[in-house]
Amino acid sequence: MSISRRVFVKSGGLALFSLGMDPLFLARAAFASYRPLPPLTASDRPTLVCLFQRGAVDGLNMIVPHGDPLYYRERPRIAVPQTDVVDLDGYFGLHPRLAALEPLWDNKSLAAIHAVGSPDSTRSHFDAQDYMESGTPGVKATSDGWLNRYCEHDREHQQTPFRAVAFSARLPRILAGSAPSLAIDDLQAFGLRAPGAARDRLTRAFEELYAGAATGLVSTSSQEAFAAVQQLKQANPAQYQPANGAAYPRGRFGHALLQIAQLIKADVGLHVAFADVTGWDTHVNQGASEGQLAARLAEFGGALAAFAQDLGERMRDVVVLTMSEFGRTIQENGNSGTDHGHATAMLVLGGPVNGGKVLGRWPGLDPAQRFEGRDVAVTTDFRDLFAEVLARHLGAPDLAAIFPGFTPDPTRFVGAIRA
């Protein structure tokens, strides 16, 4: 059995192991017996969880400006009635299907940032998502993602194979690049189930492959990968039970957050995690308190609340950051929906969060303040928000290297993370 370094093999629960410029897949390797990783303490592993709401969530119906009569004038059919809004500060409120997040707001571990987005004016899902994941709006030639660049420049935290993990069938743009990262579809599929002889041949093949590697990174990462999978096997993913009575919603997104919580508790060195959830492109029959958007928000809010409940005290070292490529038009369209807009709302959740606030500079809904006369204007560049989370939560020292062509400025930080 021979394996080329350029080979990509799809198998089971592990979709991709990216090692430098040599993507390499190694699934079901729990049989390997390498040195165990040293134990980690909480201070070794502040964790960032990035969640992408793909399709452009309607920030105005997620974090509702119910104190502005223009909101109701422009949305006669899809505005969330003021009586249904979960009030936050007298002006903004949560969509009623996000009510599960209200206790997190009350205990100041949840904040919202409104009027945040990209300085690029594209209304293309493909381009806007690419820019948000590359961290270089308007530049299509960027080859790597900003979260991968952070990992490449991070020298402060212990580097383990599970340092950067995406819960998806393939590695997302945000984690593409030279730093090692994993894409895992299902932790329960992790582990070798091949017959003994086939297993031994696979072991020898990968040992030969890594022994011939030109860089120490591949060799070291392979050994740590085997050790980490052994640790994960001991955690027994198939038997995991959420703690504190947490109940994750059924579906792919809830399952992804459950698995992120499981990896955090397994102490395998998870540092950054990524998951996405689709279904936010509500052009037709968006709904108000009920309907298409409400159903997506119920799953989203329920999963976030369950994640925080499941982790309990461990949330003190975790920040969850949500993002979406752009928002929706202020005015509803003729199909009782909304079209592609500009600024949107994002959430931050966790122990280090400066919560209980709607942050950012709100431009209002007055036609004179709208972007191109139709959308919420961007007053917070998404790179300033992401940079604040990286700097104040993960301790990133070189933000310019993570966001090339842009200089994040602490004076522009919205105060999402306690300094």
Protein backbone atom coordinates (compact mmCIF):
# COMPACT_ATOMS: atom_id res chain seq x y z
CA MET A 1 0.00 0.00 0.00
CA SER A 2 1.54 3.33 -1.02
CA ILE A 3 0.27 6.83 -0.19
CA SER A 4 1.35 9.98 -2.01
CA ARG A 5 1.68 13.24 -0.07
CA ARG A 6 -0.76 14.83 -2.50
CA VAL A 7 -3.43 12.20 -1.87
CA PHE A 8 -6.76 13.20 -0.37
CA VAL A 9 -8.81 10.32 0.99
CA LYS A 10 -12.32 10.91 2.29
CA SER A 11 -13.34 8.50 5.02
CA GLY A 12 -15.63 8.50 8.02
CA GLY A 13 -15.78 11.34 10.47
CA LEU A 14 -12.59 13.28 9.71
CA ALA A 15 -12.85 15.14 6.43
CA LEU A 16 -9.51 16.94 6.19
CA PHE A 17 -6.28 17.45 8.07
CA SER A 18 -4.51 20.46 6.58
CA LEU A 19 -0.77 20.40 7.23
CA GLY A 20 1.06 23.39 5.80
CA MET A 21 0.74 23.50 2.03
CA ASP A 22 0.32 19.72 1.97
CA PRO A 23 -3.35 18.90 2.75
CA LEU A 24 -3.47 15.41 4.22
CA PHE A 25 -6.37 13.36 5.41
CA LEU A 26 -6.06 10.80 8.16
CA ALA A 27 -9.25 9.27 9.49
CA ARG A 28 -9.94 6.63 12.08
CA ALA A 29 -6.47 6.57 13.58
CA ALA A 30 -7.26 5.89 17.22
CA PHE A 31 -5.20 2.71 17.08
CA ALA A 32 -1.89 4.58 17.03
CA SER A 33 0.21 4.59 20.21
CA TYR A 34 2.20 7.80 20.40
CA ARG A 35 3.22 9.85 23.39
CA PRO A 36 0.23 11.47 25.13
CA LEU A 37 -0.20 15.21 25.06
CA PRO A 38 0.54 17.00 28.33
CA PRO A 39 -2.56 17.93 30.31
CA LEU A 40 -4.02 21.35 29.69
CA THR A 41 -5.33 23.80 32.24
CA ALA A 42 -8.13 26.30 31.62
CA SER A 43 -5.64 29.16 31.30
CA ASP A 44 -3.92 27.27 28.46
CA ARG A 45 -6.95 27.21 26.25
CA PRO A 46 -9.17 30.23 25.88
CA THR A 47 -11.55 29.09 23.17
CA LEU A 48 -13.17 31.02 20.34
CA VAL A 49 -16.21 29.55 18.59
CA CYS A 50 -17.11 31.23 15.28
CA LEU A 51 -20.57 30.62 13.86
CA PHE A 52 -21.52 31.69 10.33
CA GLN A 53 -25.17 32.39 9.53
CA ARG A 54 -24.88 31.79 5.78
CA GLY A 55 -27.42 33.48 3.55
CA ALA A 56 -27.50 36.92 5.21
CA VAL A 57 -29.59 36.99 8.37
CA ASP A 58 -32.09 39.81 8.80
CA GLY A 59 -30.45 41.65 11.68
CA LEU A 60 -33.47 43.91 12.06
CA ASN A 61 -35.75 41.01 12.93
CA MET A 62 -33.09 39.27 15.00
CA ILE A 63 -32.18 42.28 17.17
CA VAL A 64 -35.34 44.33 16.71
CA PRO A 65 -35.30 48.17 16.89
CA HIS A 66 -38.83 48.11 18.27
CA GLY A 67 -38.43 51.64 19.64
CA ASP A 68 -38.30 53.13 16.13
CA PRO A 69 -41.66 53.72 14.40
CA LEU A 70 -39.89 53.59 11.02
CA TYR A 71 -39.23 49.90 11.57
CA TYR A 72 -42.98 49.25 11.67
CA ARG A 73 -43.75 51.65 8.85
CA GLU A 74 -41.31 49.94 6.48
CA ARG A 75 -42.36 46.40 7.42
CA PRO A 76 -46.14 46.28 7.71
CA ARG A 77 -46.30 42.49 7.27
CA ILE A 78 -43.02 41.16 8.64
CA ALA A 79 -42.16 43.47 11.56
CA VAL A 80 -42.13 41.69 14.92
CA PRO A 81 -45.02 43.16 16.96
CA GLN A 82 -43.85 45.24 19.88
CA THR A 83 -45.90 43.07 22.23
CA ASP A 84 -43.92 39.98 21.12
CA VAL A 85 -40.43 41.45 21.28
CA VAL A 86 -38.23 40.36 24.21
CA ASP A 87 -37.21 43.85 25.32
CA LEU A 88 -33.53 44.43 26.05
CA ASP A 89 -33.06 48.14 26.68
CA GLY A 90 -36.28 49.91 25.79
CA TYR A 91 -35.26 50.39 22.14
CA PHE A 92 -33.82 47.06 21.00
CA GLY A 93 -35.18 43.62 21.71
CA LEU A 94 -34.77 39.97 20.80
CA HIS A 95 -36.97 38.19 18.33
CA PRO A 96 -39.39 36.13 20.48
CA ARG A 97 -37.92 32.88 19.15
CA LEU A 98 -34.59 33.92 20.70
CA ALA A 99 -36.13 34.14 24.17
CA ALA A 100 -33.86 31.31 25.32
CA LEU A 101 -31.00 33.83 25.18
CA GLU A 102 -32.62 36.33 27.56
CA PRO A 103 -31.03 34.81 30.72
CA LEU A 104 -27.61 35.21 29.10
CA TRP A 105 -28.37 38.85 28.41
CA ASP A 106 -29.52 39.29 32.00
CA ASN A 107 -26.33 37.77 33.43
CA LYS A 108 -24.29 39.98 31.07
CA SER A 109 -22.64 37.17 29.13
CA LEU A 110 -24.42 38.10 25.87
CA ALA A 111 -24.04 41.27 23.80
CA ALA A 112 -25.24 42.29 20.35
CA ILE A 113 -23.42 44.46 17.84
CA HIS A 114 -25.68 46.27 15.39
CA ALA A 115 -24.83 48.00 12.11
CA VAL A 116 -21.78 45.77 11.64
CA GLY A 117 -20.60 44.48 8.30
CA SER A 118 -18.25 44.80 5.38
CA PRO A 119 -17.05 48.05 3.82
CA ASP A 120 -17.46 46.33 0.46
CA SER A 121 -20.85 46.99 -1.09
CA THR A 122 -21.32 43.67 -2.86
CA ARG A 123 -24.71 42.00 -2.57
CA SER A 124 -23.37 38.68 -3.86
CA HIS A 125 -23.55 35.89 -1.28
CA PHE A 126 -20.49 34.20 -2.76
CA ASP A 127 -18.28 37.30 -2.75
CA ALA A 128 -19.46 38.62 0.61
CA GLN A 129 -18.95 35.27 2.35
CA ASP A 130 -15.53 34.93 0.75
CA TYR A 131 -14.52 38.40 1.96
CA MET A 132 -15.77 37.75 5.48
CA GLU A 133 -13.87 34.48 5.71
CA SER A 134 -10.68 35.77 4.09
CA GLY A 135 -10.82 38.99 6.12
CA THR A 136 -9.90 41.02 3.02
CA PRO A 137 -13.09 42.63 1.69
CA GLY A 138 -12.85 43.58 -1.94
CA VAL A 139 -9.78 41.39 -2.54
CA LYS A 140 -10.49 38.07 -4.23
CA ALA A 141 -6.87 36.92 -4.52
CA THR A 142 -6.40 36.15 -0.81
CA SER A 143 -5.52 32.47 -0.50
CA ASP A 144 -6.11 31.88 3.21
CA GLY A 145 -8.67 32.66 5.91
CA TRP A 146 -8.28 35.09 8.79
CA LEU A 147 -8.81 32.41 11.42
CA ASN A 148 -6.05 30.32 9.86
CA ARG A 149 -3.74 33.33 9.79
CA TYR A 150 -4.39 33.83 13.48
CA CYS A 151 -3.36 30.22 14.12
CA GLU A 152 -0.26 30.68 11.97
CA HIS A 153 0.89 33.68 14.04
CA ASP A 154 -0.18 32.37 17.46
CA ARG A 155 2.83 31.34 19.51
CA GLU A 156 1.34 31.71 22.98
CA HIS A 157 -0.92 28.68 23.22
CA GLN A 158 -0.10 25.00 23.12
CA GLN A 159 -0.43 23.72 19.59
CA THR A 160 -2.31 20.46 19.38
CA PRO A 161 -3.97 18.69 16.44
CA PHE A 162 -7.34 19.79 17.74
CA ARG A 163 -6.32 23.42 18.07
CA ALA A 164 -8.45 24.52 15.07
CA VAL A 165 -11.51 22.48 14.15
CA ALA A 166 -14.42 23.06 11.78
CA PHE A 167 -17.50 20.90 12.14
CA SER A 168 -18.26 20.43 8.48
CA ALA A 169 -17.74 17.96 5.66
CA ARG A 170 -14.95 20.07 4.18
CA LEU A 171 -12.51 22.67 5.42
CA PRO A 172 -14.16 26.13 5.27
CA ARG A 173 -12.52 29.14 3.70
CA ILE A 174 -11.96 30.78 7.09
CA LEU A 175 -9.60 27.95 8.18
CA ALA A 176 -7.85 27.42 4.84
CA GLY A 177 -4.13 28.15 4.87
CA SER A 178 -0.76 27.00 6.12
CA ALA A 179 -1.64 26.40 9.77
CA PRO A 180 -2.83 22.86 10.61
CA SER A 181 -6.60 22.57 10.95
CA LEU A 182 -9.24 19.87 10.97
CA ALA A 183 -12.67 19.45 9.45
CA ILE A 184 -14.75 16.84 11.25
CA ASP A 185 -18.20 15.75 10.21
CA ASP A 186 -19.03 13.59 13.21
CA LEU A 187 -17.00 12.77 16.30
CA GLN A 188 -18.85 9.51 16.73
CA ALA A 189 -17.31 8.26 13.49
CA PHE A 190 -13.82 8.94 14.86
CA GLY A 191 -11.90 5.71 15.42
CA LEU A 192 -10.57 2.85 13.37
CA ARG A 193 -12.91 0.08 12.34
CA ALA A 194 -10.75 -1.55 9.68
CA PRO A 195 -9.68 -5.21 10.04
CA GLY A 196 -6.38 -5.76 11.83
CA ALA A 197 -4.24 -6.48 8.75
CA ALA A 198 -5.58 -3.46 6.86
CA ARG A 199 -5.09 -1.35 9.96
CA ASP A 200 -1.45 -2.43 10.27
CA ARG A 201 -0.76 -1.65 6.61
CA LEU A 202 -2.32 1.79 7.00
CA THR A 203 -0.24 2.44 10.10
CA ARG A 204 3.01 1.50 8.36
CA ALA A 205 2.12 3.56 5.29
CA PHE A 206 1.55 6.71 7.31
CA GLU A 207 4.65 6.10 9.40
CA GLU A 208 6.70 5.88 6.19
CA LEU A 209 4.99 8.98 4.81
CA TYR A 210 5.72 11.11 7.85
CA ALA A 211 9.23 9.74 8.32
CA GLY A 212 10.09 11.15 4.90
CA ALA A 213 8.57 14.56 5.52
CA ALA A 214 10.89 17.50 4.90
CA THR A 215 9.59 19.57 7.80
CA GLY A 216 9.25 18.83 11.48
CA LEU A 217 5.73 20.24 11.43
CA VAL A 218 4.26 17.28 9.60
CA SER A 219 6.03 14.71 11.74
CA THR A 220 5.17 16.42 15.02
CA SER A 221 1.60 17.04 14.00
CA SER A 222 1.10 13.42 12.94
CA GLN A 223 2.27 12.14 16.33
CA GLU A 224 0.14 14.62 18.21
CA ALA A 225 -2.80 13.76 15.96
CA PHE A 226 -2.60 10.10 16.93
CA ALA A 227 -2.25 11.01 20.61
CA ALA A 228 -5.20 13.39 20.47
CA VAL A 229 -7.40 10.80 18.79
CA GLN A 230 -6.48 8.41 21.56
CA GLN A 231 -7.61 11.00 24.09
CA LEU A 232 -10.82 11.54 22.18
CA LYS A 233 -11.42 7.80 22.06
CA GLN A 234 -11.09 7.67 25.84
CA ALA A 235 -13.73 10.41 26.08
CA ASN A 236 -16.07 8.01 24.23
CA PRO A 237 -17.97 10.41 21.93
CA ALA A 238 -20.83 7.99 21.39
CA GLN A 239 -21.66 8.07 25.10
CA TYR A 240 -21.55 11.84 25.58
CA GLN A 241 -24.37 13.33 27.63
CA PRO A 242 -24.82 17.12 27.89
CA ALA A 243 -24.55 18.48 31.42
CA ASN A 244 -26.82 20.66 33.52
CA GLY A 245 -29.98 19.50 31.77
CA ALA A 246 -28.95 21.06 28.45
CA ALA A 247 -31.06 19.94 25.49
CA TYR A 248 -29.67 20.75 22.05
CA PRO A 249 -32.18 21.15 19.21
CA ARG A 250 -32.25 18.35 16.69
CA GLY A 251 -30.49 19.04 13.44
CA ARG A 252 -27.02 19.63 12.06
CA PHE A 253 -26.35 22.94 13.83
CA GLY A 254 -27.38 21.77 17.29
CA HIS A 255 -25.28 18.64 16.79
CA ALA A 256 -22.27 20.76 15.78
CA LEU A 257 -22.48 22.84 18.95
CA LEU A 258 -22.90 19.72 21.06
CA GLN A 259 -19.70 18.34 19.53
CA ILE A 260 -17.81 21.59 20.12
CA ALA A 261 -18.82 21.44 23.79
CA GLN A 262 -17.71 17.83 23.87
CA LEU A 263 -14.28 18.68 22.47
CA ILE A 264 -13.84 21.53 24.96
CA LYS A 265 -14.59 19.15 27.82
CA ALA A 266 -12.34 16.43 26.38
CA ASP A 267 -9.30 18.66 27.07
CA VAL A 268 -7.62 17.91 23.74
CA GLY A 269 -6.55 21.53 23.26
CA LEU A 270 -9.39 23.01 21.23
CA HIS A 271 -8.56 26.69 20.68
CA VAL A 272 -10.72 27.82 17.77
CA ALA A 273 -13.83 26.12 16.43
CA PHE A 274 -16.08 26.88 13.49
CA ALA A 275 -19.55 25.83 12.40
CA ASP A 276 -22.11 27.28 10.04
CA VAL A 277 -25.86 27.20 9.64
CA THR A 278 -27.75 27.98 6.46
CA GLY A 279 -31.28 29.09 5.61
CA TRP A 280 -31.17 32.87 6.20
CA ASP A 281 -31.88 34.08 2.65
CA THR A 282 -35.49 35.11 3.28
CA HIS A 283 -36.67 36.71 0.03
CA VAL A 284 -40.18 35.27 0.24
CA ASN A 285 -42.60 34.79 3.16
CA GLN A 286 -40.04 35.69 5.82
CA GLY A 287 -42.63 35.92 8.57
CA ALA A 288 -42.69 38.03 11.71
CA SER A 289 -43.02 36.37 15.15
CA GLU A 290 -43.72 33.09 13.35
CA GLY A 291 -42.71 31.73 9.99
CA GLN A 292 -39.58 30.92 8.05
CA LEU A 293 -37.12 33.20 9.85
CA ALA A 294 -38.65 32.45 13.24
CA ALA A 295 -38.01 28.73 12.77
CA ARG A 296 -34.35 29.32 11.94
CA LEU A 297 -33.93 31.66 14.92
CA ALA A 298 -35.55 29.14 17.26
CA GLU A 299 -32.96 26.52 16.29
CA PHE A 300 -30.14 29.05 16.46
CA GLY A 301 -31.08 30.48 19.86
CA GLY A 302 -31.90 27.08 21.32
CA ALA A 303 -28.51 25.70 20.29
CA LEU A 304 -26.62 28.69 21.73
CA ALA A 305 -28.52 28.48 25.02
CA ALA A 306 -27.94 24.72 25.27
CA PHE A 307 -24.22 25.19 24.56
CA ALA A 308 -23.85 27.72 27.38
CA GLN A 309 -25.87 25.56 29.75
CA ASP A 310 -23.90 22.44 28.86
CA LEU A 311 -20.52 24.10 29.45
CA GLY A 312 -21.56 25.79 32.68
CA GLU A 313 -18.51 27.18 34.47
CA ARG A 314 -16.30 26.39 31.50
CA MET A 315 -17.95 29.25 29.62
CA ARG A 316 -15.66 31.57 31.55
CA ASP A 317 -12.92 30.74 29.00
CA VAL A 318 -15.13 30.66 25.90
CA VAL A 319 -16.34 33.34 23.49
CA VAL A 320 -18.90 32.59 20.80
CA LEU A 321 -18.91 35.01 17.85
CA THR A 322 -21.68 34.95 15.24
CA MET A 323 -21.37 36.44 11.77
CA SER A 324 -23.30 36.80 8.54
CA GLU A 325 -22.15 38.13 5.17
CA PHE A 326 -24.59 41.07 5.09
CA GLY A 327 -28.02 42.08 6.28
CA ARG A 328 -31.38 42.62 4.59
CA THR A 329 -33.21 45.63 3.20
CA ILE A 330 -35.00 47.87 5.70
CA GLN A 331 -38.15 47.83 3.63
CA GLU A 332 -39.95 44.54 3.06
CA ASN A 333 -40.38 43.48 -0.55
CA GLY A 334 -43.52 42.55 -2.48
CA ASN A 335 -43.18 38.89 -1.51
CA SER A 336 -43.37 39.51 2.23
CA GLY A 337 -39.63 39.02 2.46
CA THR A 338 -36.44 41.07 2.36
CA ASP A 339 -33.70 41.43 -0.22
CA HIS A 340 -29.94 41.60 0.11
CA GLY A 341 -28.83 44.54 2.23
CA HIS A 342 -25.70 45.89 3.88
CA ALA A 343 -25.16 46.01 7.67
CA THR A 344 -26.54 43.36 10.01
CA ALA A 345 -26.35 42.33 13.67
CA MET A 346 -23.86 39.93 15.25
CA LEU A 347 -23.72 38.34 18.69
CA VAL A 348 -20.95 37.65 21.18
CA LEU A 349 -21.50 35.25 24.04
CA GLY A 350 -19.31 33.99 26.86
CA GLY A 351 -17.60 34.63 30.15
CA PRO A 352 -15.22 37.37 28.90
CA VAL A 353 -18.04 39.24 27.12
CA ASN A 354 -19.06 42.74 28.15
CA GLY A 355 -22.70 41.73 27.96
CA GLY A 356 -26.13 43.14 28.57
CA LYS A 357 -25.59 45.79 25.88
CA VAL A 358 -26.32 46.49 22.24
CA LEU A 359 -22.95 47.77 21.07
CA GLY A 360 -21.78 49.77 18.09
CA ARG A 361 -22.99 53.08 16.73
CA TRP A 362 -26.59 52.76 15.61
CA PRO A 363 -27.16 54.91 12.47
CA GLY A 364 -30.93 54.72 12.68
CA LEU A 365 -33.46 53.91 9.98
CA ASP A 366 -34.07 57.43 8.69
CA PRO A 367 -33.85 57.45 4.89
CA ALA A 368 -31.14 60.11 5.00
CA GLN A 369 -28.91 57.77 7.04
CA ARG A 370 -29.40 54.65 4.94
CA PHE A 371 -26.77 53.05 2.76
CA GLU A 372 -27.69 53.66 -0.88
CA GLY A 373 -31.08 54.81 0.35
CA ARG A 374 -32.28 51.34 1.30
CA ASP A 375 -30.11 49.55 3.88
CA VAL A 376 -28.78 49.87 7.41
CA ALA A 377 -25.40 51.58 7.07
CA VAL A 378 -22.23 49.87 8.31
CA THR A 379 -20.75 51.77 11.24
CA THR A 380 -18.53 48.92 12.55
CA ASP A 381 -16.18 47.19 10.12
CA PHE A 382 -16.40 43.47 10.84
CA ARG A 383 -12.60 43.34 10.99
CA ASP A 384 -12.56 45.66 14.00
CA LEU A 385 -15.00 43.38 15.82
CA PHE A 386 -13.10 40.21 14.91
CA ALA A 387 -9.80 41.87 15.81
CA GLU A 388 -11.12 42.88 19.23
CA VAL A 389 -12.13 39.31 19.98
CA LEU A 390 -8.75 37.99 18.84
CA ALA A 391 -6.77 40.59 20.78
CA ARG A 392 -8.73 40.74 24.03
CA HIS A 393 -9.84 37.14 24.30
CA LEU A 394 -7.08 35.14 22.57
CA GLY A 395 -4.26 37.63 23.09
CA ALA A 396 -3.34 38.02 19.41
CA PRO A 397 -0.38 40.45 19.27
CA ASP A 398 -0.09 41.11 15.52
CA LEU A 399 -3.51 42.04 14.17
CA ALA A 400 -2.08 43.61 11.00
CA ALA A 401 -0.73 40.21 9.93
CA ILE A 402 -4.15 38.65 10.45
CA PHE A 403 -5.98 41.37 8.50
CA PRO A 404 -3.56 42.42 5.73
CA GLY A 405 -4.20 45.80 4.19
CA PHE A 406 -6.14 46.91 7.26
CA THR A 407 -5.06 48.39 10.57
CA PRO A 408 -7.41 47.40 13.40
CA ASP A 409 -7.61 50.25 15.90
CA PRO A 410 -8.51 49.70 19.57
CA THR A 411 -10.16 53.12 19.55
CA ARG A 412 -12.70 51.63 17.12
CA PHE A 413 -13.34 48.50 19.18
CA VAL A 414 -16.96 48.37 20.30
CA GLY A 415 -16.16 46.99 23.77
CA ALA A 416 -17.49 43.49 23.19
CA ILE A 417 -14.78 41.88 25.33
CA ARG A 418 -13.85 43.12 28.78
CA ALA A 419 -10.42 44.69 28.57
